[in-house]
Amino acid sequence: MKAYRNAALDALGDPTRRAIFERLGKGPCAVGELADALPVSRPAVSQHLKVLKEAGLVVDQAMGTRRVYRLNPQGIDGLRVYFTQFWSTAMSAFQDEVNRQAADASRKDKP
């Protein structure tokens, strides 16, 4: 699961892939439509989609002569779980530090 999560995060680290991912968040789209909205070629978009697909973030479906891509709910859910755990841990650590500093300050104030 960790390797899968790392692949997803790495894939989204590229601005073009992130733009494709965000566009697919609005609905399914074919390669040509994606390329028309980006400053890269169709082959480049296809390569970016391949990385996103290998990371589990998008899936594709043949529709006639086109391949239509959409976000993969399972891949997105994996990222959601990761960030939920990350923020929960970070907020707990923050709360622990606030409590520690308050206790230290309280001890300093006692005669």
N, C-alpha and C. Protein backbone atom coordinates (compact mmCIF):
# COMPACT_ATOMS: atom_id res chain seq x y z
N MET A 1 0.82 -1.20 0.00
CA MET A 1 0.00 0.00 0.00
C MET A 1 0.87 1.27 0.00
N LYS A 2 2.01 1.21 0.73
CA LYS A 2 2.89 2.36 0.80
C LYS A 2 3.45 2.71 -0.57
N ALA A 3 3.88 1.70 -1.33
CA ALA A 3 4.43 1.95 -2.67
C ALA A 3 3.36 2.56 -3.57
N TYR A 4 2.14 2.07 -3.45
CA TYR A 4 1.01 2.60 -4.24
C TYR A 4 0.78 4.06 -3.90
N ARG A 5 0.78 4.37 -2.59
CA ARG A 5 0.57 5.75 -2.15
C ARG A 5 1.69 6.64 -2.64
N ASN A 6 2.94 6.15 -2.53
CA ASN A 6 4.08 6.94 -2.99
C ASN A 6 3.99 7.21 -4.48
N ALA A 7 3.57 6.22 -5.26
CA ALA A 7 3.42 6.40 -6.71
C ALA A 7 2.38 7.47 -7.00
N ALA A 8 1.28 7.46 -6.24
CA ALA A 8 0.23 8.46 -6.45
C ALA A 8 0.73 9.86 -6.11
N LEU A 9 1.42 9.99 -4.99
CA LEU A 9 1.95 11.29 -4.60
C LEU A 9 3.00 11.77 -5.60
N ASP A 10 3.88 10.87 -6.02
CA ASP A 10 4.89 11.23 -7.02
C ASP A 10 4.24 11.67 -8.32
N ALA A 11 3.20 10.95 -8.74
CA ALA A 11 2.51 11.29 -9.98
C ALA A 11 1.93 12.69 -9.92
N LEU A 12 1.37 13.04 -8.78
CA LEU A 12 0.75 14.36 -8.64
C LEU A 12 1.77 15.46 -8.39
N GLY A 13 3.04 15.10 -8.22
CA GLY A 13 4.09 16.09 -8.04
C GLY A 13 4.41 16.86 -9.31
N ASP A 14 4.03 16.31 -10.45
CA ASP A 14 4.28 16.98 -11.73
C ASP A 14 3.11 17.92 -12.04
N PRO A 15 3.38 19.20 -12.35
CA PRO A 15 2.30 20.15 -12.59
C PRO A 15 1.35 19.76 -13.74
N THR A 16 1.89 19.18 -14.80
CA THR A 16 1.03 18.78 -15.92
C THR A 16 0.13 17.64 -15.51
N ARG A 17 0.67 16.66 -14.82
CA ARG A 17 -0.17 15.54 -14.36
C ARG A 17 -1.23 16.03 -13.37
N ARG A 18 -0.83 16.96 -12.51
CA ARG A 18 -1.79 17.51 -11.56
C ARG A 18 -2.91 18.25 -12.30
N ALA A 19 -2.57 18.97 -13.35
CA ALA A 19 -3.59 19.67 -14.16
C ALA A 19 -4.53 18.67 -14.83
N ILE A 20 -3.98 17.57 -15.33
CA ILE A 20 -4.81 16.52 -15.94
C ILE A 20 -5.72 15.92 -14.88
N PHE A 21 -5.17 15.60 -13.73
CA PHE A 21 -5.93 15.03 -12.62
C PHE A 21 -7.08 15.96 -12.23
N GLU A 22 -6.77 17.24 -12.09
CA GLU A 22 -7.80 18.22 -11.71
C GLU A 22 -8.87 18.35 -12.80
N ARG A 23 -8.46 18.31 -14.06
CA ARG A 23 -9.43 18.38 -15.16
C ARG A 23 -10.36 17.17 -15.13
N LEU A 24 -9.80 15.99 -14.88
CA LEU A 24 -10.61 14.78 -14.82
C LEU A 24 -11.55 14.79 -13.61
N GLY A 25 -11.24 15.61 -12.63
CA GLY A 25 -12.14 15.78 -11.50
C GLY A 25 -13.45 16.42 -11.90
N LYS A 26 -13.47 17.07 -13.04
CA LYS A 26 -14.70 17.69 -13.55
C LYS A 26 -15.51 16.73 -14.39
N GLY A 27 -14.91 15.59 -14.76
CA GLY A 27 -15.62 14.60 -15.55
C GLY A 27 -14.69 13.89 -16.52
N PRO A 28 -15.16 12.75 -17.06
CA PRO A 28 -14.35 11.97 -18.00
C PRO A 28 -13.95 12.79 -19.22
N CYS A 29 -12.81 12.41 -19.80
CA CYS A 29 -12.29 13.18 -20.92
C CYS A 29 -11.37 12.29 -21.77
N ALA A 30 -11.37 12.54 -23.08
CA ALA A 30 -10.48 11.83 -23.99
C ALA A 30 -9.14 12.57 -24.07
N VAL A 31 -8.12 11.88 -24.54
CA VAL A 31 -6.77 12.44 -24.63
C VAL A 31 -6.77 13.73 -25.44
N GLY A 32 -7.44 13.72 -26.58
CA GLY A 32 -7.46 14.91 -27.43
C GLY A 32 -8.04 16.13 -26.72
N GLU A 33 -9.11 15.92 -25.99
CA GLU A 33 -9.72 17.03 -25.24
C GLU A 33 -8.76 17.56 -24.17
N LEU A 34 -8.07 16.65 -23.51
CA LEU A 34 -7.10 17.07 -22.51
C LEU A 34 -5.95 17.84 -23.15
N ALA A 35 -5.45 17.34 -24.27
CA ALA A 35 -4.33 17.99 -24.96
C ALA A 35 -4.72 19.38 -25.45
N ASP A 36 -5.97 19.54 -25.89
CA ASP A 36 -6.42 20.85 -26.36
C ASP A 36 -6.36 21.91 -25.26
N ALA A 37 -6.51 21.47 -24.01
CA ALA A 37 -6.53 22.42 -22.90
C ALA A 37 -5.16 22.61 -22.24
N LEU A 38 -4.15 21.90 -22.75
CA LEU A 38 -2.82 21.97 -22.14
C LEU A 38 -1.76 22.39 -23.15
N PRO A 39 -0.66 22.95 -22.67
CA PRO A 39 0.41 23.36 -23.58
C PRO A 39 1.38 22.23 -23.91
N VAL A 40 0.87 21.00 -24.01
CA VAL A 40 1.70 19.85 -24.35
C VAL A 40 1.01 19.05 -25.45
N SER A 41 1.77 18.21 -26.12
CA SER A 41 1.25 17.42 -27.24
C SER A 41 0.38 16.26 -26.75
N ARG A 42 -0.36 15.69 -27.70
CA ARG A 42 -1.17 14.51 -27.37
C ARG A 42 -0.32 13.35 -26.87
N PRO A 43 0.82 13.07 -27.52
CA PRO A 43 1.67 11.99 -27.00
C PRO A 43 2.15 12.26 -25.56
N ALA A 44 2.44 13.52 -25.26
CA ALA A 44 2.88 13.87 -23.90
C ALA A 44 1.73 13.64 -22.91
N VAL A 45 0.52 14.03 -23.29
CA VAL A 45 -0.64 13.80 -22.43
C VAL A 45 -0.82 12.31 -22.21
N SER A 46 -0.66 11.52 -23.26
CA SER A 46 -0.79 10.07 -23.13
C SER A 46 0.23 9.51 -22.15
N GLN A 47 1.46 10.02 -22.19
CA GLN A 47 2.49 9.56 -21.26
C GLN A 47 2.14 9.95 -19.81
N HIS A 48 1.62 11.16 -19.63
CA HIS A 48 1.20 11.59 -18.30
C HIS A 48 0.04 10.73 -17.79
N LEU A 49 -0.89 10.41 -18.67
CA LEU A 49 -2.01 9.56 -18.29
C LEU A 49 -1.53 8.16 -17.92
N LYS A 50 -0.52 7.67 -18.61
CA LYS A 50 0.04 6.36 -18.29
C LYS A 50 0.58 6.35 -16.87
N VAL A 51 1.29 7.40 -16.48
CA VAL A 51 1.83 7.49 -15.12
C VAL A 51 0.69 7.55 -14.11
N LEU A 52 -0.32 8.36 -14.39
CA LEU A 52 -1.47 8.47 -13.48
C LEU A 52 -2.21 7.14 -13.36
N LYS A 53 -2.31 6.43 -14.47
CA LYS A 53 -2.98 5.13 -14.47
C LYS A 53 -2.16 4.13 -13.66
N GLU A 54 -0.85 4.08 -13.87
CA GLU A 54 0.01 3.16 -13.13
C GLU A 54 -0.02 3.46 -11.63
N ALA A 55 -0.25 4.72 -11.28
CA ALA A 55 -0.34 5.12 -9.87
C ALA A 55 -1.72 4.82 -9.29
N GLY A 56 -2.64 4.36 -10.14
CA GLY A 56 -3.98 4.02 -9.67
C GLY A 56 -4.92 5.20 -9.53
N LEU A 57 -4.55 6.35 -10.09
CA LEU A 57 -5.37 7.54 -9.93
C LEU A 57 -6.41 7.72 -11.04
N VAL A 58 -6.18 7.12 -12.19
CA VAL A 58 -7.15 7.21 -13.29
C VAL A 58 -7.37 5.82 -13.89
N VAL A 59 -8.51 5.68 -14.52
CA VAL A 59 -8.83 4.48 -15.28
C VAL A 59 -9.29 4.94 -16.65
N ASP A 60 -9.24 4.03 -17.62
CA ASP A 60 -9.67 4.39 -18.96
C ASP A 60 -10.63 3.34 -19.49
N GLN A 61 -11.35 3.75 -20.51
CA GLN A 61 -12.34 2.88 -21.14
C GLN A 61 -12.36 3.20 -22.63
N ALA A 62 -12.36 2.16 -23.44
CA ALA A 62 -12.46 2.35 -24.89
C ALA A 62 -13.89 2.74 -25.23
N MET A 63 -14.02 3.78 -26.02
CA MET A 63 -15.32 4.23 -26.51
C MET A 63 -15.15 4.50 -28.00
N GLY A 64 -15.44 3.49 -28.79
CA GLY A 64 -15.19 3.59 -30.21
C GLY A 64 -13.69 3.61 -30.46
N THR A 65 -13.23 4.64 -31.15
CA THR A 65 -11.80 4.76 -31.45
C THR A 65 -11.06 5.57 -30.40
N ARG A 66 -11.75 6.05 -29.40
CA ARG A 66 -11.13 6.88 -28.37
C ARG A 66 -11.01 6.13 -27.05
N ARG A 67 -10.09 6.58 -26.24
CA ARG A 67 -9.98 6.11 -24.86
C ARG A 67 -10.40 7.28 -24.00
N VAL A 68 -11.35 7.03 -23.14
CA VAL A 68 -11.85 8.07 -22.25
C VAL A 68 -11.33 7.77 -20.84
N TYR A 69 -10.77 8.79 -20.22
CA TYR A 69 -10.17 8.65 -18.90
C TYR A 69 -11.06 9.32 -17.86
N ARG A 70 -11.05 8.74 -16.68
CA ARG A 70 -11.76 9.32 -15.53
C ARG A 70 -10.97 9.00 -14.28
N LEU A 71 -11.28 9.71 -13.21
CA LEU A 71 -10.60 9.45 -11.95
C LEU A 71 -11.00 8.09 -11.41
N ASN A 72 -10.07 7.45 -10.72
CA ASN A 72 -10.30 6.16 -10.10
C ASN A 72 -10.68 6.40 -8.63
N PRO A 73 -11.93 6.16 -8.25
CA PRO A 73 -12.34 6.42 -6.86
C PRO A 73 -11.51 5.68 -5.82
N GLN A 74 -11.08 4.45 -6.13
CA GLN A 74 -10.26 3.70 -5.16
C GLN A 74 -8.91 4.39 -4.93
N GLY A 75 -8.31 4.88 -6.00
CA GLY A 75 -7.03 5.57 -5.86
C GLY A 75 -7.15 6.85 -5.07
N ILE A 76 -8.21 7.58 -5.33
CA ILE A 76 -8.45 8.84 -4.60
C ILE A 76 -8.74 8.54 -3.14
N ASP A 77 -9.49 7.47 -2.88
CA ASP A 77 -9.80 7.11 -1.51
C ASP A 77 -8.52 6.75 -0.75
N GLY A 78 -7.58 6.09 -1.42
CA GLY A 78 -6.30 5.77 -0.78
C GLY A 78 -5.56 7.03 -0.37
N LEU A 79 -5.59 8.05 -1.21
CA LEU A 79 -4.95 9.32 -0.86
C LEU A 79 -5.69 10.01 0.29
N ARG A 80 -7.02 9.94 0.26
CA ARG A 80 -7.82 10.55 1.33
C ARG A 80 -7.47 9.92 2.67
N VAL A 81 -7.39 8.59 2.70
CA VAL A 81 -7.05 7.89 3.94
C VAL A 81 -5.66 8.32 4.42
N TYR A 82 -4.71 8.39 3.50
CA TYR A 82 -3.35 8.81 3.86
C TYR A 82 -3.35 10.20 4.49
N PHE A 83 -4.01 11.17 3.83
CA PHE A 83 -4.00 12.53 4.35
C PHE A 83 -4.80 12.65 5.65
N THR A 84 -5.85 11.89 5.79
CA THR A 84 -6.61 11.91 7.05
C THR A 84 -5.73 11.41 8.19
N GLN A 85 -5.01 10.32 7.97
CA GLN A 85 -4.10 9.80 8.99
C GLN A 85 -2.96 10.78 9.26
N PHE A 86 -2.43 11.36 8.19
CA PHE A 86 -1.33 12.32 8.33
C PHE A 86 -1.76 13.50 9.20
N TRP A 87 -2.91 14.10 8.87
CA TRP A 87 -3.36 15.27 9.63
C TRP A 87 -3.76 14.91 11.05
N SER A 88 -4.32 13.74 11.25
CA SER A 88 -4.67 13.30 12.59
C SER A 88 -3.42 13.18 13.46
N THR A 89 -2.39 12.57 12.91
CA THR A 89 -1.12 12.43 13.63
C THR A 89 -0.49 13.80 13.88
N ALA A 90 -0.49 14.64 12.88
CA ALA A 90 0.11 15.98 13.02
C ALA A 90 -0.64 16.81 14.06
N MET A 91 -1.96 16.75 14.03
CA MET A 91 -2.73 17.54 14.99
C MET A 91 -2.57 17.00 16.41
N SER A 92 -2.45 15.68 16.56
CA SER A 92 -2.20 15.09 17.89
C SER A 92 -0.84 15.54 18.42
N ALA A 93 0.16 15.53 17.55
CA ALA A 93 1.49 15.98 17.96
C ALA A 93 1.47 17.46 18.34
N PHE A 94 0.73 18.25 17.59
CA PHE A 94 0.60 19.68 17.90
C PHE A 94 -0.06 19.86 19.27
N GLN A 95 -1.15 19.13 19.51
CA GLN A 95 -1.85 19.23 20.79
C GLN A 95 -0.94 18.80 21.95
N ASP A 96 -0.18 17.73 21.74
CA ASP A 96 0.76 17.29 22.77
C ASP A 96 1.78 18.37 23.08
N GLU A 97 2.29 19.03 22.07
CA GLU A 97 3.28 20.10 22.26
C GLU A 97 2.66 21.30 22.97
N VAL A 98 1.45 21.67 22.61
CA VAL A 98 0.76 22.78 23.30
C VAL A 98 0.59 22.44 24.77
N ASN A 99 0.15 21.22 25.05
CA ASN A 99 -0.03 20.80 26.44
C ASN A 99 1.30 20.80 27.21
N ARG A 100 2.36 20.34 26.56
CA ARG A 100 3.67 20.32 27.20
C ARG A 100 4.13 21.73 27.53
N GLN A 101 3.96 22.66 26.57
CA GLN A 101 4.38 24.04 26.81
C GLN A 101 3.53 24.69 27.90
N ALA A 102 2.24 24.39 27.94
CA ALA A 102 1.37 24.93 28.98
C ALA A 102 1.79 24.40 30.35
N ALA A 103 2.12 23.12 30.42
CA ALA A 103 2.57 22.53 31.70
C ALA A 103 3.89 23.16 32.13
N ASP A 104 4.81 23.37 31.19
CA ASP A 104 6.09 24.00 31.50
C ASP A 104 5.87 25.42 32.02
N ALA A 105 4.99 26.16 31.37
CA ALA A 105 4.71 27.53 31.78
C ALA A 105 4.06 27.54 33.16
N SER A 106 3.20 26.57 33.43
CA SER A 106 2.52 26.49 34.73
C SER A 106 3.54 26.22 35.85
N ARG A 107 4.50 25.34 35.58
CA ARG A 107 5.53 25.03 36.56
C ARG A 107 6.42 26.26 36.85
N LYS A 108 6.68 27.04 35.82
CA LYS A 108 7.53 28.23 35.99
C LYS A 108 6.80 29.29 36.81
N ASP A 109 5.48 29.33 36.70
CA ASP A 109 4.70 30.35 37.41
C ASP A 109 4.53 30.02 38.90
N LYS A 110 4.71 28.78 39.30
CA LYS A 110 4.55 28.39 40.71
C LYS A 110 5.78 28.83 41.50
N PRO A 111 5.53 29.36 42.71
CA PRO A 111 6.67 29.81 43.54
C PRO A 111 7.50 28.67 44.07
